[in-house]
Amino acid sequence: MEAARTDIRQAVLTAFCAALHDTRLPPIALIALAAQAVGSIYREVADAHCGDPSCPCGWRPRFTSDLEALQAALALSAAPGSQPAPG
């Protein structure tokens, strides 16, 4: 799991830095766009896991608890004093 976290963080950071350079948008605007991208990815994955036949991975989306988990992860990692992710 740690390798996946590092890989995803690096991909997002690379895209963020490129967009920052190319667009000159404020960092918070780009971070909001990144959050929107994560939300849309969740929606696509959740939609793909609804209905019949169900995915063999067994995951079933639960919007309310999934959204709470995503919000908690964002808040925890963005909070002052949180450990910066390696990478």
PDB file of N, CA and C in Angstrom:
ATOM      1  N   MET A   1       0.818  -1.196   0.000  1.00  0.00           N
ATOM      2  CA  MET A   1       0.000   0.000   0.000  1.00  0.00           C
ATOM      3  C   MET A   1       0.863   1.261   0.000  1.00  0.00           C
ATOM      4  N   GLU A   2       1.969   1.229   0.702  1.00  0.00           N
ATOM      5  CA  GLU A   2       2.843   2.399   0.761  1.00  0.00           C
ATOM      6  C   GLU A   2       3.412   2.742  -0.617  1.00  0.00           C
ATOM      7  N   ALA A   3       3.763   1.729  -1.397  1.00  0.00           N
ATOM      8  CA  ALA A   3       4.282   1.986  -2.743  1.00  0.00           C
ATOM      9  C   ALA A   3       3.216   2.637  -3.620  1.00  0.00           C
ATOM     10  N   ALA A   4       1.984   2.175  -3.501  1.00  0.00           N
ATOM     11  CA  ALA A   4       0.889   2.776  -4.282  1.00  0.00           C
ATOM     12  C   ALA A   4       0.680   4.225  -3.869  1.00  0.00           C
ATOM     13  N   ARG A   5       0.714   4.495  -2.549  1.00  0.00           N
ATOM     14  CA  ARG A   5       0.545   5.863  -2.046  1.00  0.00           C
ATOM     15  C   ARG A   5       1.638   6.772  -2.615  1.00  0.00           C
ATOM     16  N   THR A   6       2.867   6.288  -2.582  1.00  0.00           N
ATOM     17  CA  THR A   6       3.993   7.070  -3.093  1.00  0.00           C
ATOM     18  C   THR A   6       3.856   7.318  -4.591  1.00  0.00           C
ATOM     19  N   ASP A   7       3.485   6.294  -5.334  1.00  0.00           N
ATOM     20  CA  ASP A   7       3.327   6.444  -6.790  1.00  0.00           C
ATOM     21  C   ASP A   7       2.220   7.436  -7.143  1.00  0.00           C
ATOM     22  N   ILE A   8       1.086   7.330  -6.463  1.00  0.00           N
ATOM     23  CA  ILE A   8      -0.037   8.233  -6.743  1.00  0.00           C
ATOM     24  C   ILE A   8       0.333   9.660  -6.345  1.00  0.00           C
ATOM     25  N   ARG A   9       0.947   9.809  -5.186  1.00  0.00           N
ATOM     26  CA  ARG A   9       1.354  11.153  -4.753  1.00  0.00           C
ATOM     27  C   ARG A   9       2.308  11.783  -5.761  1.00  0.00           C
ATOM     28  N   GLN A  10       3.267  11.014  -6.242  1.00  0.00           N
ATOM     29  CA  GLN A  10       4.235  11.544  -7.200  1.00  0.00           C
ATOM     30  C   GLN A  10       3.554  11.936  -8.515  1.00  0.00           C
ATOM     31  N   ALA A  11       2.608  11.124  -8.979  1.00  0.00           N
ATOM     32  CA  ALA A  11       1.889  11.444 -10.216  1.00  0.00           C
ATOM     33  C   ALA A  11       1.079  12.736 -10.057  1.00  0.00           C
ATOM     34  N   VAL A  12       0.402  12.871  -8.917  1.00  0.00           N
ATOM     35  CA  VAL A  12      -0.393  14.082  -8.675  1.00  0.00           C
ATOM     36  C   VAL A  12       0.531  15.293  -8.542  1.00  0.00           C
ATOM     37  N   LEU A  13       1.625  15.151  -7.817  1.00  0.00           N
ATOM     38  CA  LEU A  13       2.560  16.259  -7.650  1.00  0.00           C
ATOM     39  C   LEU A  13       3.161  16.691  -8.987  1.00  0.00           C
ATOM     40  N   THR A  14       3.498  15.742  -9.831  1.00  0.00           N
ATOM     41  CA  THR A  14       4.041  16.065 -11.154  1.00  0.00           C
ATOM     42  C   THR A  14       3.019  16.836 -11.986  1.00  0.00           C
ATOM     43  N   ALA A  15       1.774  16.361 -11.993  1.00  0.00           N
ATOM     44  CA  ALA A  15       0.714  17.054 -12.735  1.00  0.00           C
ATOM     45  C   ALA A  15       0.457  18.436 -12.143  1.00  0.00           C
ATOM     46  N   PHE A  16       0.461  18.537 -10.819  1.00  0.00           N
ATOM     47  CA  PHE A  16       0.249  19.815 -10.150  1.00  0.00           C
ATOM     48  C   PHE A  16       1.334  20.820 -10.539  1.00  0.00           C
ATOM     49  N   CYS A  17       2.588  20.404 -10.467  1.00  0.00           N
ATOM     50  CA  CYS A  17       3.692  21.307 -10.801  1.00  0.00           C
ATOM     51  C   CYS A  17       3.634  21.750 -12.259  1.00  0.00           C
ATOM     52  N   ALA A  18       3.300  20.833 -13.157  1.00  0.00           N
ATOM     53  CA  ALA A  18       3.183  21.183 -14.571  1.00  0.00           C
ATOM     54  C   ALA A  18       2.053  22.184 -14.784  1.00  0.00           C
ATOM     55  N   ALA A  19       0.908  21.953 -14.142  1.00  0.00           N
ATOM     56  CA  ALA A  19      -0.221  22.874 -14.275  1.00  0.00           C
ATOM     57  C   ALA A  19       0.107  24.232 -13.654  1.00  0.00           C
ATOM     58  N   LEU A  20       0.795  24.235 -12.546  1.00  0.00           N
ATOM     59  CA  LEU A  20       1.190  25.485 -11.899  1.00  0.00           C
ATOM     60  C   LEU A  20       2.067  26.306 -12.842  1.00  0.00           C
ATOM     61  N   HIS A  21       3.003  25.637 -13.472  1.00  0.00           N
ATOM     62  CA  HIS A  21       3.898  26.312 -14.410  1.00  0.00           C
ATOM     63  C   HIS A  21       3.159  26.785 -15.661  1.00  0.00           C
ATOM     64  N   ASP A  22       2.299  25.921 -16.198  1.00  0.00           N
ATOM     65  CA  ASP A  22       1.628  26.223 -17.470  1.00  0.00           C
ATOM     66  C   ASP A  22       0.492  27.226 -17.345  1.00  0.00           C
ATOM     67  N   THR A  23      -0.217  27.213 -16.236  1.00  0.00           N
ATOM     68  CA  THR A  23      -1.423  28.038 -16.126  1.00  0.00           C
ATOM     69  C   THR A  23      -1.238  29.293 -15.297  1.00  0.00           C
ATOM     70  N   ARG A  24      -0.288  29.261 -14.385  1.00  0.00           N
ATOM     71  CA  ARG A  24      -0.076  30.358 -13.442  1.00  0.00           C
ATOM     72  C   ARG A  24      -1.295  30.598 -12.540  1.00  0.00           C
ATOM     73  N   LEU A  25      -2.151  29.585 -12.428  1.00  0.00           N
ATOM     74  CA  LEU A  25      -3.276  29.667 -11.494  1.00  0.00           C
ATOM     75  C   LEU A  25      -2.739  29.600 -10.069  1.00  0.00           C
ATOM     76  N   PRO A  26      -3.467  30.148  -9.110  1.00  0.00           N
ATOM     77  CA  PRO A  26      -3.033  30.037  -7.715  1.00  0.00           C
ATOM     78  C   PRO A  26      -3.003  28.566  -7.284  1.00  0.00           C
ATOM     79  N   PRO A  27      -2.071  28.207  -6.428  1.00  0.00           N
ATOM     80  CA  PRO A  27      -1.979  26.813  -5.985  1.00  0.00           C
ATOM     81  C   PRO A  27      -3.294  26.249  -5.455  1.00  0.00           C
ATOM     82  N   ILE A  28      -4.059  27.031  -4.672  1.00  0.00           N
ATOM     83  CA  ILE A  28      -5.294  26.496  -4.111  1.00  0.00           C
ATOM     84  C   ILE A  28      -6.304  26.179  -5.207  1.00  0.00           C
ATOM     85  N   ALA A  29      -6.297  26.932  -6.295  1.00  0.00           N
ATOM     86  CA  ALA A  29      -7.204  26.635  -7.415  1.00  0.00           C
ATOM     87  C   ALA A  29      -6.854  25.283  -8.030  1.00  0.00           C
ATOM     88  N   LEU A  30      -5.572  25.010  -8.167  1.00  0.00           N
ATOM     89  CA  LEU A  30      -5.142  23.725  -8.730  1.00  0.00           C
ATOM     90  C   LEU A  30      -5.398  22.577  -7.770  1.00  0.00           C
ATOM     91  N   ILE A  31      -5.243  22.831  -6.471  1.00  0.00           N
ATOM     92  CA  ILE A  31      -5.543  21.789  -5.489  1.00  0.00           C
ATOM     93  C   ILE A  31      -7.039  21.473  -5.513  1.00  0.00           C
ATOM     94  N   ALA A  32      -7.874  22.495  -5.682  1.00  0.00           N
ATOM     95  CA  ALA A  32      -9.323  22.262  -5.797  1.00  0.00           C
ATOM     96  C   ALA A  32      -9.627  21.439  -7.053  1.00  0.00           C
ATOM     97  N   LEU A  33      -8.932  21.727  -8.147  1.00  0.00           N
ATOM     98  CA  LEU A  33      -9.118  20.929  -9.362  1.00  0.00           C
ATOM     99  C   LEU A  33      -8.681  19.479  -9.141  1.00  0.00           C
ATOM    100  N   ALA A  34      -7.610  19.279  -8.390  1.00  0.00           N
ATOM    101  CA  ALA A  34      -7.159  17.915  -8.071  1.00  0.00           C
ATOM    102  C   ALA A  34      -8.212  17.191  -7.242  1.00  0.00           C
ATOM    103  N   ALA A  35      -8.818  17.900  -6.285  1.00  0.00           N
ATOM    104  CA  ALA A  35      -9.880  17.294  -5.475  1.00  0.00           C
ATOM    105  C   ALA A  35     -11.076  16.918  -6.347  1.00  0.00           C
ATOM    106  N   GLN A  36     -11.418  17.789  -7.302  1.00  0.00           N
ATOM    107  CA  GLN A  36     -12.508  17.474  -8.226  1.00  0.00           C
ATOM    108  C   GLN A  36     -12.171  16.245  -9.064  1.00  0.00           C
ATOM    109  N   ALA A  37     -10.921  16.130  -9.461  1.00  0.00           N
ATOM    110  CA  ALA A  37     -10.505  14.959 -10.242  1.00  0.00           C
ATOM    111  C   ALA A  37     -10.648  13.684  -9.418  1.00  0.00           C
ATOM    112  N   VAL A  38     -10.243  13.730  -8.150  1.00  0.00           N
ATOM    113  CA  VAL A  38     -10.394  12.557  -7.283  1.00  0.00           C
ATOM    114  C   VAL A  38     -11.872  12.216  -7.124  1.00  0.00           C
ATOM    115  N   GLY A  39     -12.704  13.216  -6.940  1.00  0.00           N
ATOM    116  CA  GLY A  39     -14.138  12.978  -6.824  1.00  0.00           C
ATOM    117  C   GLY A  39     -14.724  12.343  -8.074  1.00  0.00           C
ATOM    118  N   SER A  40     -14.296  12.804  -9.240  1.00  0.00           N
ATOM    119  CA  SER A  40     -14.824  12.231 -10.480  1.00  0.00           C
ATOM    120  C   SER A  40     -14.312  10.809 -10.701  1.00  0.00           C
ATOM    121  N   ILE A  41     -13.091  10.534 -10.269  1.00  0.00           N
ATOM    122  CA  ILE A  41     -12.567   9.168 -10.353  1.00  0.00           C
ATOM    123  C   ILE A  41     -13.381   8.261  -9.438  1.00  0.00           C
ATOM    124  N   TYR A  42     -13.664   8.738  -8.222  1.00  0.00           N
ATOM    125  CA  TYR A  42     -14.510   7.948  -7.318  1.00  0.00           C
ATOM    126  C   TYR A  42     -15.841   7.633  -7.996  1.00  0.00           C
ATOM    127  N   ARG A  43     -16.464   8.636  -8.587  1.00  0.00           N
ATOM    128  CA  ARG A  43     -17.784   8.453  -9.201  1.00  0.00           C
ATOM    129  C   ARG A  43     -17.727   7.406 -10.320  1.00  0.00           C
ATOM    130  N   GLU A  44     -16.700   7.480 -11.169  1.00  0.00           N
ATOM    131  CA  GLU A  44     -16.556   6.505 -12.259  1.00  0.00           C
ATOM    132  C   GLU A  44     -16.362   5.088 -11.719  1.00  0.00           C
ATOM    133  N   VAL A  45     -15.500   4.959 -10.718  1.00  0.00           N
ATOM    134  CA  VAL A  45     -15.227   3.639 -10.143  1.00  0.00           C
ATOM    135  C   VAL A  45     -16.477   3.114  -9.436  1.00  0.00           C
ATOM    136  N   ALA A  46     -17.158   3.983  -8.701  1.00  0.00           N
ATOM    137  CA  ALA A  46     -18.377   3.572  -8.007  1.00  0.00           C
ATOM    138  C   ALA A  46     -19.442   3.128  -9.012  1.00  0.00           C
ATOM    139  N   ASP A  47     -19.607   3.898 -10.084  1.00  0.00           N
ATOM    140  CA  ASP A  47     -20.589   3.530 -11.105  1.00  0.00           C
ATOM    141  C   ASP A  47     -20.272   2.170 -11.724  1.00  0.00           C
ATOM    142  N   ALA A  48     -18.975   1.901 -11.909  1.00  0.00           N
ATOM    143  CA  ALA A  48     -18.563   0.624 -12.500  1.00  0.00           C
ATOM    144  C   ALA A  48     -18.783  -0.548 -11.548  1.00  0.00           C
ATOM    145  N   HIS A  49     -18.965  -0.251 -10.263  1.00  0.00           N
ATOM    146  CA  HIS A  49     -19.143  -1.314  -9.267  1.00  0.00           C
ATOM    147  C   HIS A  49     -20.595  -1.448  -8.801  1.00  0.00           C
ATOM    148  N   CYS A  50     -21.495  -0.794  -9.482  1.00  0.00           N
ATOM    149  CA  CYS A  50     -22.919  -0.890  -9.155  1.00  0.00           C
ATOM    150  C   CYS A  50     -23.607  -1.784 -10.179  1.00  0.00           C
ATOM    151  N   GLY A  51     -24.647  -2.432  -9.759  1.00  0.00           N
ATOM    152  CA  GLY A  51     -25.440  -3.221 -10.690  1.00  0.00           C
ATOM    153  C   GLY A  51     -24.945  -4.646 -10.829  1.00  0.00           C
ATOM    154  N   ASP A  52     -25.546  -5.333 -11.766  1.00  0.00           N
ATOM    155  CA  ASP A  52     -25.216  -6.734 -12.022  1.00  0.00           C
ATOM    156  C   ASP A  52     -24.522  -6.858 -13.359  1.00  0.00           C
ATOM    157  N   PRO A  53     -23.584  -7.683 -13.557  1.00  0.00           N
ATOM    158  CA  PRO A  53     -22.964  -8.476 -12.489  1.00  0.00           C
ATOM    159  C   PRO A  53     -22.025  -7.596 -11.680  1.00  0.00           C
ATOM    160  N   SER A  54     -21.880  -7.925 -10.430  1.00  0.00           N
ATOM    161  CA  SER A  54     -20.986  -7.142  -9.589  1.00  0.00           C
ATOM    162  C   SER A  54     -19.533  -7.482  -9.933  1.00  0.00           C
ATOM    163  N   CYS A  55     -18.666  -6.557  -9.611  1.00  0.00           N
ATOM    164  CA  CYS A  55     -17.235  -6.738  -9.897  1.00  0.00           C
ATOM    165  C   CYS A  55     -16.693  -7.878  -9.038  1.00  0.00           C
ATOM    166  N   PRO A  56     -15.813  -8.694  -9.585  1.00  0.00           N
ATOM    167  CA  PRO A  56     -15.245  -9.795  -8.803  1.00  0.00           C
ATOM    168  C   PRO A  56     -14.401  -9.334  -7.613  1.00  0.00           C
ATOM    169  N   CYS A  57     -14.011  -8.051  -7.574  1.00  0.00           N
ATOM    170  CA  CYS A  57     -13.205  -7.588  -6.432  1.00  0.00           C
ATOM    171  C   CYS A  57     -14.040  -7.524  -5.161  1.00  0.00           C
ATOM    172  N   GLY A  58     -15.365  -7.455  -5.294  1.00  0.00           N
ATOM    173  CA  GLY A  58     -16.235  -7.473  -4.132  1.00  0.00           C
ATOM    174  C   GLY A  58     -16.541  -6.119  -3.509  1.00  0.00           C
ATOM    175  N   TRP A  59     -15.901  -5.037  -3.982  1.00  0.00           N
ATOM    176  CA  TRP A  59     -16.172  -3.722  -3.409  1.00  0.00           C
ATOM    177  C   TRP A  59     -17.538  -3.226  -3.845  1.00  0.00           C
ATOM    178  N   ARG A  60     -18.288  -2.696  -2.909  1.00  0.00           N
ATOM    179  CA  ARG A  60     -19.582  -2.082  -3.187  1.00  0.00           C
ATOM    180  C   ARG A  60     -19.530  -0.648  -2.669  1.00  0.00           C
ATOM    181  N   PRO A  61     -19.766   0.329  -3.521  1.00  0.00           N
ATOM    182  CA  PRO A  61     -19.714   1.714  -3.057  1.00  0.00           C
ATOM    183  C   PRO A  61     -20.809   2.018  -2.047  1.00  0.00           C
ATOM    184  N   ARG A  62     -20.432   2.803  -1.054  1.00  0.00           N
ATOM    185  CA  ARG A  62     -21.355   3.307  -0.036  1.00  0.00           C
ATOM    186  C   ARG A  62     -21.072   4.803   0.069  1.00  0.00           C
ATOM    187  N   PHE A  63     -21.817   5.572  -0.725  1.00  0.00           N
ATOM    188  CA  PHE A  63     -21.494   6.980  -0.937  1.00  0.00           C
ATOM    189  C   PHE A  63     -21.224   7.729   0.361  1.00  0.00           C
ATOM    190  N   THR A  64     -22.110   7.649   1.323  1.00  0.00           N
ATOM    191  CA  THR A  64     -21.963   8.448   2.543  1.00  0.00           C
ATOM    192  C   THR A  64     -20.688   8.091   3.293  1.00  0.00           C
ATOM    193  N   SER A  65     -20.462   6.823   3.564  1.00  0.00           N
ATOM    194  CA  SER A  65     -19.263   6.449   4.318  1.00  0.00           C
ATOM    195  C   SER A  65     -17.999   6.603   3.475  1.00  0.00           C
ATOM    196  N   ASP A  66     -18.102   6.388   2.176  1.00  0.00           N
ATOM    197  CA  ASP A  66     -16.936   6.592   1.309  1.00  0.00           C
ATOM    198  C   ASP A  66     -16.535   8.069   1.290  1.00  0.00           C
ATOM    199  N   LEU A  67     -17.534   8.951   1.175  1.00  0.00           N
ATOM    200  CA  LEU A  67     -17.256  10.388   1.167  1.00  0.00           C
ATOM    201  C   LEU A  67     -16.665  10.825   2.500  1.00  0.00           C
ATOM    202  N   GLU A  68     -17.182  10.303   3.596  1.00  0.00           N
ATOM    203  CA  GLU A  68     -16.621  10.617   4.914  1.00  0.00           C
ATOM    204  C   GLU A  68     -15.165  10.168   5.004  1.00  0.00           C
ATOM    205  N   ALA A  69     -14.858   8.990   4.470  1.00  0.00           N
ATOM    206  CA  ALA A  69     -13.479   8.489   4.496  1.00  0.00           C
ATOM    207  C   ALA A  69     -12.558   9.360   3.644  1.00  0.00           C
ATOM    208  N   LEU A  70     -13.039   9.785   2.482  1.00  0.00           N
ATOM    209  CA  LEU A  70     -12.234  10.656   1.617  1.00  0.00           C
ATOM    210  C   LEU A  70     -11.990  12.009   2.284  1.00  0.00           C
ATOM    211  N   GLN A  71     -13.024  12.577   2.881  1.00  0.00           N
ATOM    212  CA  GLN A  71     -12.876  13.859   3.571  1.00  0.00           C
ATOM    213  C   GLN A  71     -11.919  13.742   4.757  1.00  0.00           C
ATOM    214  N   ALA A  72     -12.023  12.660   5.496  1.00  0.00           N
ATOM    215  CA  ALA A  72     -11.141  12.458   6.644  1.00  0.00           C
ATOM    216  C   ALA A  72      -9.679  12.305   6.195  1.00  0.00           C
ATOM    217  N   ALA A  73      -9.464  11.579   5.115  1.00  0.00           N
ATOM    218  CA  ALA A  73      -8.099  11.399   4.612  1.00  0.00           C
ATOM    219  C   ALA A  73      -7.512  12.736   4.176  1.00  0.00           C
ATOM    220  N   LEU A  74      -8.312  13.550   3.499  1.00  0.00           N
ATOM    221  CA  LEU A  74      -7.849  14.870   3.071  1.00  0.00           C
ATOM    222  C   LEU A  74      -7.531  15.744   4.284  1.00  0.00           C
ATOM    223  N   ALA A  75      -8.447  15.786   5.243  1.00  0.00           N
ATOM    224  CA  ALA A  75      -8.245  16.619   6.425  1.00  0.00           C
ATOM    225  C   ALA A  75      -7.022  16.175   7.224  1.00  0.00           C
ATOM    226  N   LEU A  76      -6.862  14.886   7.390  1.00  0.00           N
ATOM    227  CA  LEU A  76      -5.735  14.370   8.173  1.00  0.00           C
ATOM    228  C   LEU A  76      -4.399  14.704   7.518  1.00  0.00           C
ATOM    229  N   SER A  77      -4.326  14.518   6.209  1.00  0.00           N
ATOM    230  CA  SER A  77      -3.043  14.743   5.535  1.00  0.00           C
ATOM    231  C   SER A  77      -2.753  16.225   5.314  1.00  0.00           C
ATOM    232  N   ALA A  78      -3.775  17.075   5.325  1.00  0.00           N
ATOM    233  CA  ALA A  78      -3.575  18.508   5.107  1.00  0.00           C
ATOM    234  C   ALA A  78      -3.408  19.290   6.401  1.00  0.00           C
ATOM    235  N   ALA A  79      -3.693  18.667   7.527  1.00  0.00           N
ATOM    236  CA  ALA A  79      -3.654  19.368   8.812  1.00  0.00           C
ATOM    237  C   ALA A  79      -2.240  19.810   9.167  1.00  0.00           C
ATOM    238  N   PRO A  80      -2.140  20.996   9.779  1.00  0.00           N
ATOM    239  CA  PRO A  80      -0.820  21.429  10.244  1.00  0.00           C
ATOM    240  C   PRO A  80      -0.222  20.390  11.188  1.00  0.00           C
ATOM    241  N   GLY A  81       1.052  20.149  11.018  1.00  0.00           N
ATOM    242  CA  GLY A  81       1.730  19.190  11.881  1.00  0.00           C
ATOM    243  C   GLY A  81       1.655  17.765  11.415  1.00  0.00           C
ATOM    244  N   SER A  82       0.869  17.522  10.346  1.00  0.00           N
ATOM    245  CA  SER A  82       0.831  16.149   9.828  1.00  0.00           C
ATOM    246  C   SER A  82       2.167  15.849   9.169  1.00  0.00           C
ATOM    247  N   GLN A  83       2.514  14.591   9.163  1.00  0.00           N
ATOM    248  CA  GLN A  83       3.772  14.173   8.570  1.00  0.00           C
ATOM    249  C   GLN A  83       3.689  14.305   7.062  1.00  0.00           C
ATOM    250  N   PRO A  84       4.656  14.969   6.435  1.00  0.00           N
ATOM    251  CA  PRO A  84       4.656  15.010   4.969  1.00  0.00           C
ATOM    252  C   PRO A  84       4.874  13.619   4.412  1.00  0.00           C
ATOM    253  N   ALA A  85       4.177  13.346   3.322  1.00  0.00           N
ATOM    254  CA  ALA A  85       4.333  12.037   2.672  1.00  0.00           C
ATOM    255  C   ALA A  85       5.711  11.940   2.055  1.00  0.00           C
ATOM    256  N   PRO A  86       6.314  10.779   2.132  1.00  0.00           N
ATOM    257  CA  PRO A  86       7.631  10.617   1.494  1.00  0.00           C
ATOM    258  C   PRO A  86       7.487  10.714  -0.010  1.00  0.00           C
ATOM    259  N   GLY A  87       8.527  11.112  -0.649  1.00  0.00           N
ATOM    260  CA  GLY A  87       8.480  11.140  -2.096  1.00  0.00           C
ATOM    261  C   GLY A  87       9.130  12.328  -2.605  1.00  0.00           C
TER     262      GLY A  87
END
